[in-house]
Protein backbone atom coordinates (compact mmCIF):
# COMPACT_ATOMS: atom_id res chain seq x y z
CA ALA A 1 6.89 -101.48 69.08
CA VAL A 2 4.57 -100.85 71.99
CA VAL A 3 4.71 -104.44 73.22
CA SER A 4 7.56 -106.96 73.10
CA THR A 5 7.28 -110.71 73.52
CA GLN A 6 8.51 -112.40 76.69
CA SER A 7 10.48 -115.65 76.63
CA THR A 8 7.37 -117.71 77.43
CA GLY A 9 7.27 -119.60 74.15
CA ASP A 10 3.56 -118.79 73.88
CA LYS A 11 2.01 -116.52 71.30
CA LEU A 12 1.72 -112.94 72.42
CA VAL A 13 -1.94 -112.17 73.15
CA ILE A 14 -2.85 -108.47 73.16
CA LEU A 15 -6.17 -107.20 74.47
CA GLU A 16 -6.86 -103.61 73.44
CA LEU A 17 -9.60 -101.77 75.30
CA ASN A 18 -11.69 -99.33 73.26
CA SER A 19 -9.76 -100.20 70.12
CA GLY A 20 -11.89 -98.09 67.81
CA GLY A 21 -10.96 -98.89 64.23
CA GLY A 22 -7.59 -100.35 65.20
CA SER A 23 -5.36 -97.31 64.81
CA ASN A 24 -2.71 -98.90 67.07
CA ILE A 25 -2.36 -102.25 65.29
CA SER A 26 0.58 -101.13 63.16
CA TYR A 27 2.66 -100.93 66.37
CA TYR A 28 2.12 -104.55 67.42
CA PRO A 29 4.56 -107.41 66.68
CA ASP A 30 3.99 -109.79 63.79
CA GLU A 31 1.76 -112.80 64.36
CA CYS A 32 0.49 -111.71 67.76
CA VAL A 33 -3.07 -112.64 68.65
CA TYR A 34 -5.23 -109.53 68.95
CA ILE A 35 -8.48 -109.20 70.90
CA ALA A 36 -10.29 -105.90 70.47
CA THR A 37 -13.00 -104.35 72.63
CA ASP A 38 -15.07 -101.25 72.17
CA HIS A 39 -18.35 -99.94 73.56
CA TRP A 40 -19.36 -98.63 70.12
CA GLU A 41 -20.70 -101.31 67.79
CA GLY A 42 -19.61 -99.37 64.68
CA ALA A 43 -15.95 -99.85 65.63
CA LYS A 44 -16.14 -103.50 64.54
CA ASP A 45 -16.62 -102.63 60.86
CA PHE A 46 -13.67 -100.22 60.83
CA LEU A 47 -11.50 -102.72 62.69
CA GLU A 48 -12.30 -105.58 60.30
CA GLN A 49 -11.55 -103.30 57.34
CA ASN A 50 -8.15 -102.41 58.83
CA PHE A 51 -7.38 -106.08 59.40
CA GLN A 52 -7.96 -106.83 55.73
CA GLU A 53 -5.00 -104.51 55.09
CA GLU A 54 -2.94 -105.75 58.08
CA SER A 55 -2.53 -109.49 57.45
CA ARG A 56 0.53 -109.94 59.71
CA LEU A 57 -1.67 -110.01 62.85
CA VAL A 58 -4.38 -112.41 63.92
CA LEU A 59 -7.72 -110.82 64.87
CA ASP A 60 -8.98 -113.31 67.43
CA ARG A 61 -12.26 -111.52 68.13
CA PHE A 62 -14.07 -108.26 68.69
CA LEU A 63 -15.96 -107.84 71.95
CA LEU A 64 -18.70 -105.25 72.26
CA THR A 65 -18.11 -104.34 75.89
CA VAL A 66 -16.69 -101.80 78.31
CA PRO A 67 -13.39 -102.12 80.24
CA GLU A 68 -15.11 -103.15 83.47
CA ARG A 69 -16.95 -106.08 81.81
CA LEU A 70 -14.43 -108.44 80.24
CA ILE A 71 -16.52 -111.48 81.18
CA SER A 72 -15.81 -113.46 78.00
CA VAL A 73 -12.02 -113.16 78.39
CA PRO A 74 -10.67 -116.09 80.46
CA ASP A 75 -8.56 -115.60 83.59
CA ASN A 76 -4.76 -115.43 83.06
CA SER A 77 -5.10 -115.56 79.25
CA VAL A 78 -3.68 -112.23 78.01
CA SER A 79 -0.01 -111.21 77.70
CA ALA A 80 -0.65 -107.47 77.45
CA VAL A 81 -3.58 -105.09 77.84
CA VAL A 82 -3.43 -101.78 75.98
CA CYS A 83 -5.43 -98.85 77.37
CA PHE A 84 -5.26 -95.85 75.07
CA HIS A 85 -7.78 -93.34 76.43
CA SER A 86 -9.89 -96.22 77.75
CA LEU A 87 -10.21 -95.74 81.49
CA CYS A 88 -11.89 -92.35 81.00
CA SER A 89 -14.89 -94.09 79.41
CA SER A 90 -15.24 -96.64 82.18
CA SER A 91 -18.11 -96.10 84.60
CA ASN A 92 -16.12 -97.94 87.29
CA VAL A 93 -12.35 -97.56 86.86
CA ASN A 94 -11.49 -99.69 89.91
CA LEU A 95 -13.57 -102.58 88.57
CA ALA A 96 -11.97 -102.15 85.12
CA LEU A 97 -8.51 -102.43 86.70
CA LEU A 98 -9.56 -105.57 88.60
CA GLU A 99 -10.79 -107.09 85.33
CA ILE A 100 -7.48 -106.23 83.66
CA LEU A 101 -5.59 -107.93 86.49
CA ARG A 102 -7.87 -110.98 86.21
CA VAL A 103 -7.28 -111.50 82.48
CA LEU A 104 -3.53 -110.81 82.50
CA LYS A 105 -1.15 -113.76 82.68
CA PRO A 106 1.28 -113.69 85.62
CA GLY A 107 3.95 -111.16 84.64
CA GLY A 108 1.65 -109.69 81.99
CA LYS A 109 1.62 -105.94 81.47
CA MET A 110 -0.96 -103.21 81.09
CA TYR A 111 0.30 -100.35 78.88
CA PHE A 112 -1.61 -97.10 79.15
CA ILE A 113 -1.95 -93.53 77.97
CA GLU A 114 -4.77 -91.62 79.66
CA HIS A 115 -5.81 -87.99 79.85
CA VAL A 116 -6.23 -86.91 83.46
CA ARG A 117 -7.48 -84.11 85.63
CA SER A 118 -5.12 -81.16 85.95
CA LYS A 119 -3.23 -81.11 89.25
CA GLU A 120 -2.84 -77.34 89.14
CA ALA A 121 -5.97 -75.85 90.72
CA TRP A 122 -6.99 -72.47 89.33
CA SER A 123 -4.93 -72.97 86.16
CA LYS A 124 -6.40 -72.35 82.70
CA ILE A 125 -6.69 -76.09 82.03
CA TRP A 126 -8.28 -76.69 85.44
CA PHE A 127 -11.00 -74.12 84.65
CA ILE A 128 -11.59 -75.62 81.21
CA GLN A 129 -11.96 -79.09 82.74
CA LEU A 130 -14.30 -77.75 85.43
CA ASN A 131 -16.47 -75.81 82.97
CA TYR A 132 -16.77 -78.62 80.43
CA ALA A 133 -17.05 -81.59 82.82
CA LEU A 134 -20.71 -82.19 81.97
CA GLN A 135 -20.08 -81.94 78.23
CA MET A 136 -17.21 -84.44 78.43
CA THR A 137 -19.49 -86.84 80.35
CA VAL A 138 -22.01 -86.57 77.52
CA TRP A 139 -19.16 -87.64 75.21
CA ASP A 140 -18.73 -90.67 77.51
CA CYS A 141 -15.47 -89.32 78.92
CA HIS A 142 -14.50 -88.17 82.38
CA TYR A 143 -11.31 -87.00 83.99
CA GLY A 144 -9.96 -88.95 86.90
CA ASP A 145 -6.95 -89.57 89.07
CA PHE A 146 -6.11 -92.70 87.10
CA GLY A 147 -2.48 -92.79 88.23
CA SER A 148 -3.49 -93.23 91.87
CA GLN A 149 -6.11 -95.81 90.94
CA ILE A 150 -3.57 -97.82 88.95
CA LYS A 151 -1.10 -97.71 91.87
CA ARG A 152 -3.79 -98.99 94.29
CA ALA A 153 -5.18 -101.69 91.98
CA GLY A 154 -2.81 -104.47 93.06
CA PHE A 155 -0.18 -104.60 90.31
CA SER A 156 3.24 -105.86 91.42
CA GLU A 157 4.94 -102.90 89.68
CA THR A 158 3.74 -99.58 88.31
CA HIS A 159 5.69 -97.18 86.13
CA ILE A 160 3.82 -93.93 85.59
CA SER A 161 4.99 -90.71 83.94
CA GLU A 162 3.11 -87.45 83.52
CA ARG A 163 3.12 -85.03 80.63
CA THR A 164 1.03 -82.11 79.47
CA LEU A 165 0.73 -82.34 75.71
CA ASN A 166 1.70 -79.29 73.72
CA PHE A 167 -0.88 -78.44 71.10
CA LYS A 168 1.05 -75.61 69.44
CA GLY A 169 0.01 -75.29 65.84
CA ILE A 170 -3.28 -77.11 66.46
CA ARG A 171 -6.34 -75.02 67.14
CA MET A 172 -7.77 -76.45 70.34
CA MET A 173 -10.98 -74.89 71.56
CA GLY A 174 -13.32 -75.42 74.49
CA PRO A 175 -13.18 -78.80 76.18
CA MET A 176 -10.47 -80.12 73.86
CA GLN A 177 -7.88 -78.00 75.70
CA GLY A 178 -8.73 -79.98 78.82
CA LEU A 179 -7.32 -83.11 77.20
CA ALA A 180 -3.70 -81.88 77.46
CA PRO A 181 -2.68 -83.41 80.87
CA HIS A 182 -1.76 -87.10 80.42
CA ILE A 183 -0.23 -90.04 82.23
CA TYR A 184 1.47 -92.93 80.47
CA GLY A 185 3.40 -96.03 81.41
CA TYR A 186 2.88 -99.66 82.28
CA ALA A 187 1.94 -101.86 85.19
CA VAL A 188 2.93 -105.50 85.78
CA LYS A 189 0.64 -108.18 87.21
């Protein structure tokens, strides 16, 4: 499971940013309370359809919003925030991280997987990212140095690993090749 309950006695409340149709819900513990956000209104229909098939979780609500505007989520109310390719669609990553810190309960965790800018200048991936930067922006996605931003955001602990995904056997063309460099880990409020 992606998230495990703490010995708080409270229900586990998971806030997933840019949840899409809920492709991650099968990884969450039984009976957790799930709050979903997405900036695409159509995601709500897919999510509700998936929840009809996944009755072991409680869908608390769907919020049509972006990661930097979690206004309707109360302070200190969420056990875990899940960011799966979410920060790249934020127009203000630092503000999004401050919002995540605001809504997390003390000791709460943000779990993340994000594609990032290649650190190797002049590499094949670096050129692909440079050449397709405008196109990725049109797709509402941008590369950033999210690891550094997470470290500076004010979490009490950060655990960040890096990995370049191997797409052998999958035909990756154009800007899609630029999605290979990733960071993943968790940060504690």
